[in-house]
Every structure is written in structure tokens, then in C-alpha cells.
C-alpha atoms as a PDB file:
ATOM      1  CA  MET A   1      93.906  96.534  67.709  1.00  0.00           C
ATOM      2  CA  LEU A   2      95.343 100.539  67.390  1.00  0.00           C
ATOM      3  CA  ALA A   3      92.505 103.181  67.605  1.00  0.00           C
ATOM      4  CA  LYS A   4      91.828 104.837  64.348  1.00  0.00           C
ATOM      5  CA  LYS A   5      93.113 108.434  64.242  1.00  0.00           C
ATOM      6  CA  LYS A   6      90.408 110.845  63.750  1.00  0.00           C
ATOM      7  CA  LYS A   7      90.235 113.052  60.546  1.00  0.00           C
ATOM      8  CA  ARG A   8      90.341 116.942  61.299  1.00  0.00           C
ATOM      9  CA  TYR A   9      88.518 119.055  59.006  1.00  0.00           C
ATOM     10  CA  LEU A  10      90.450 122.106  58.033  1.00  0.00           C
ATOM     11  CA  PRO A  11      88.105 125.138  56.921  1.00  0.00           C
ATOM     12  CA  LEU A  12      91.147 127.074  56.757  1.00  0.00           C
ATOM     13  CA  GLY A  13      94.696 125.945  54.954  1.00  0.00           C
ATOM     14  CA  LEU A  14      97.322 125.520  57.645  1.00  0.00           C
ATOM     15  CA  LYS A  15      99.701 128.387  56.058  1.00  0.00           C
ATOM     16  CA  LYS A  16      96.623 130.949  56.273  1.00  0.00           C
ATOM     17  CA  LYS A  17      96.608 133.487  58.691  1.00  0.00           C
ATOM     18  CA  ILE A  18      93.349 134.562  59.924  1.00  0.00           C
ATOM     19  CA  ASN A  19      93.302 138.771  59.703  1.00  0.00           C
ATOM     20  CA  TYR A  20      90.987 140.780  62.075  1.00  0.00           C
ATOM     21  CA  LYS A  21      89.674 142.830  58.673  1.00  0.00           C
ATOM     22  CA  ASP A  22      88.358 139.756  57.249  1.00  0.00           C
ATOM     23  CA  THR A  23      84.560 140.094  58.982  1.00  0.00           C
ATOM     24  CA  LYS A  24      83.492 137.834  56.101  1.00  0.00           C
ATOM     25  CA  LEU A  25      85.384 135.128  57.435  1.00  0.00           C
ATOM     26  CA  LEU A  26      84.806 135.748  61.370  1.00  0.00           C
ATOM     27  CA  LYS A  27      81.293 135.813  60.978  1.00  0.00           C
ATOM     28  CA  PHE A  28      81.645 132.817  60.291  1.00  0.00           C
ATOM     29  CA  PHE A  29      83.350 131.436  63.184  1.00  0.00           C
ATOM     30  CA  ILE A  30      80.714 133.228  65.233  1.00  0.00           C
ATOM     31  CA  SER A  31      77.477 132.236  66.930  1.00  0.00           C
ATOM     32  CA  ARG A  32      73.935 133.925  66.530  1.00  0.00           C
ATOM     33  CA  GLN A  33      74.346 135.007  69.595  1.00  0.00           C
ATOM     34  CA  GLY A  34      78.610 136.565  69.237  1.00  0.00           C
ATOM     35  CA  LYS A  35      80.290 133.984  70.973  1.00  0.00           C
ATOM     36  CA  ILE A  36      83.322 132.542  69.699  1.00  0.00           C
ATOM     37  CA  ILE A  37      82.651 128.818  68.292  1.00  0.00           C
ATOM     38  CA  PRO A  38      84.768 126.475  70.663  1.00  0.00           C
ATOM     39  CA  ARG A  39      87.258 124.138  68.498  1.00  0.00           C
ATOM     40  CA  ARG A  40      86.117 121.207  68.884  1.00  0.00           C
ATOM     41  CA  PHE A  41      83.163 122.440  66.739  1.00  0.00           C
ATOM     42  CA  THR A  42      85.488 124.549  64.092  1.00  0.00           C
ATOM     43  CA  GLY A  43      88.211 122.044  63.621  1.00  0.00           C
ATOM     44  CA  LEU A  44      90.273 124.414  63.606  1.00  0.00           C
ATOM     45  CA  THR A  45      94.261 123.837  65.013  1.00  0.00           C
ATOM     46  CA  VAL A  46      95.284 125.111  68.269  1.00  0.00           C
ATOM     47  CA  GLN A  47      97.595 127.990  66.818  1.00  0.00           C
ATOM     48  CA  GLN A  48      94.401 128.798  63.899  1.00  0.00           C
ATOM     49  CA  GLN A  49      92.112 128.762  67.138  1.00  0.00           C
ATOM     50  CA  ARG A  50      94.257 131.554  68.649  1.00  0.00           C
ATOM     51  CA  GLN A  51      94.647 133.449  65.974  1.00  0.00           C
ATOM     52  CA  LEU A  52      90.603 133.592  65.585  1.00  0.00           C
ATOM     53  CA  THR A  53      90.662 134.423  69.046  1.00  0.00           C
ATOM     54  CA  LYS A  54      93.015 137.599  68.642  1.00  0.00           C
ATOM     55  CA  ALA A  55      91.183 138.565  65.450  1.00  0.00           C
ATOM     56  CA  VAL A  56      87.652 138.699  66.635  1.00  0.00           C
ATOM     57  CA  LYS A  57      88.385 140.585  70.061  1.00  0.00           C
ATOM     58  CA  ARG A  58      90.479 143.232  68.042  1.00  0.00           C
ATOM     59  CA  ALA A  59      87.365 143.433  65.013  1.00  0.00           C
ATOM     60  CA  ARG A  60      85.451 144.044  67.960  1.00  0.00           C
ATOM     61  CA  MET A  61      87.560 146.642  69.803  1.00  0.00           C
ATOM     62  CA  ILE A  62      87.413 148.856  66.292  1.00  0.00           C
ATOM     63  CA  SER A  63      84.173 148.224  65.532  1.00  0.00           C
ATOM     64  CA  LEU A  64      83.847 146.216  62.862  1.00  0.00           C
ATOM     65  CA  LEU A  65      82.121 143.085  64.446  1.00  0.00           C
ATOM     66  CA  PRO A  66      79.662 143.782  67.728  1.00  0.00           C
ATOM     67  CA  PHE A  67      79.825 142.252  71.053  1.00  0.00           C
ATOM     68  CA  VAL A  68      76.388 140.908  71.154  1.00  0.00           C
ATOM     69  CA  THR A  69      73.900 141.129  68.371  1.00  0.00           C
ATOM     70  CA  SER A  70      70.932 142.366  69.496  1.00  0.00           C
ATOM     71  CA  ASN A  71      67.839 140.077  70.200  1.00  0.00           C
ATOM     72  CA  SER A  72      64.596 140.397  68.698  1.00  0.00           C
ATOM     73  CA  VAL A  73      63.105 139.115  72.003  1.00  0.00           C
ATOM     74  CA  LEU A  74      64.401 141.749  74.420  1.00  0.00           C
ATOM     75  CA  LYS A  75      63.193 144.505  71.840  1.00  0.00           C
ATOM     76  CA  LYS A  76      59.596 143.501  71.587  1.00  0.00           C
ATOM     77  CA  ASP A  77      60.113 143.412  75.716  1.00  0.00           C
ATOM     78  CA  LYS A  78      61.117 147.037  76.155  1.00  0.00           C
ATOM     79  CA  GLU A  79      58.427 148.364  73.147  1.00  0.00           C
ATOM     80  CA  SER A  80      55.598 146.449  75.510  1.00  0.00           C
END
């Protein structure tokens, strides 16, 4: 018996380019802590994940996206 191939959910079309200026799209692939979500969770192809990583890093360098999101717990500790 042959194993079934895993169906891949493609949130983006195969031909769609990921641009660093499209912050709405990039925020979809970033966790609450500001980390880039891994490929196994996003369902992107290898090439799309590489484009995504480069786009997020470029957007961070020119201040379109934050490196780390602010944490309300840390703010409360500093106020005390």
C-alpha cells in the first residue's frame, strides 16, 4: 500500500512574489512575539519561505515592522 501524499495548503499563489512593503501580508506570518512562523505551520513552499524571511528582515531594517513586540507584562514590572 502506498502512502498518501500530504495535501499542501497554499496561502499564497505559486507565482505570487512577497514584497517587503506589504506589511499586512508579512504580519500574517509573524507571531505575537515578533518571530517568523516556521514553514511547517505556514504551508509555504521553500522558495516562498525564503522570500518571506528576506522580506521580513528588510522590513525590520527600514522600520516597517518591529524587531520585537512590546510585552505588557514587562511594562507593568517597570512601573512597580
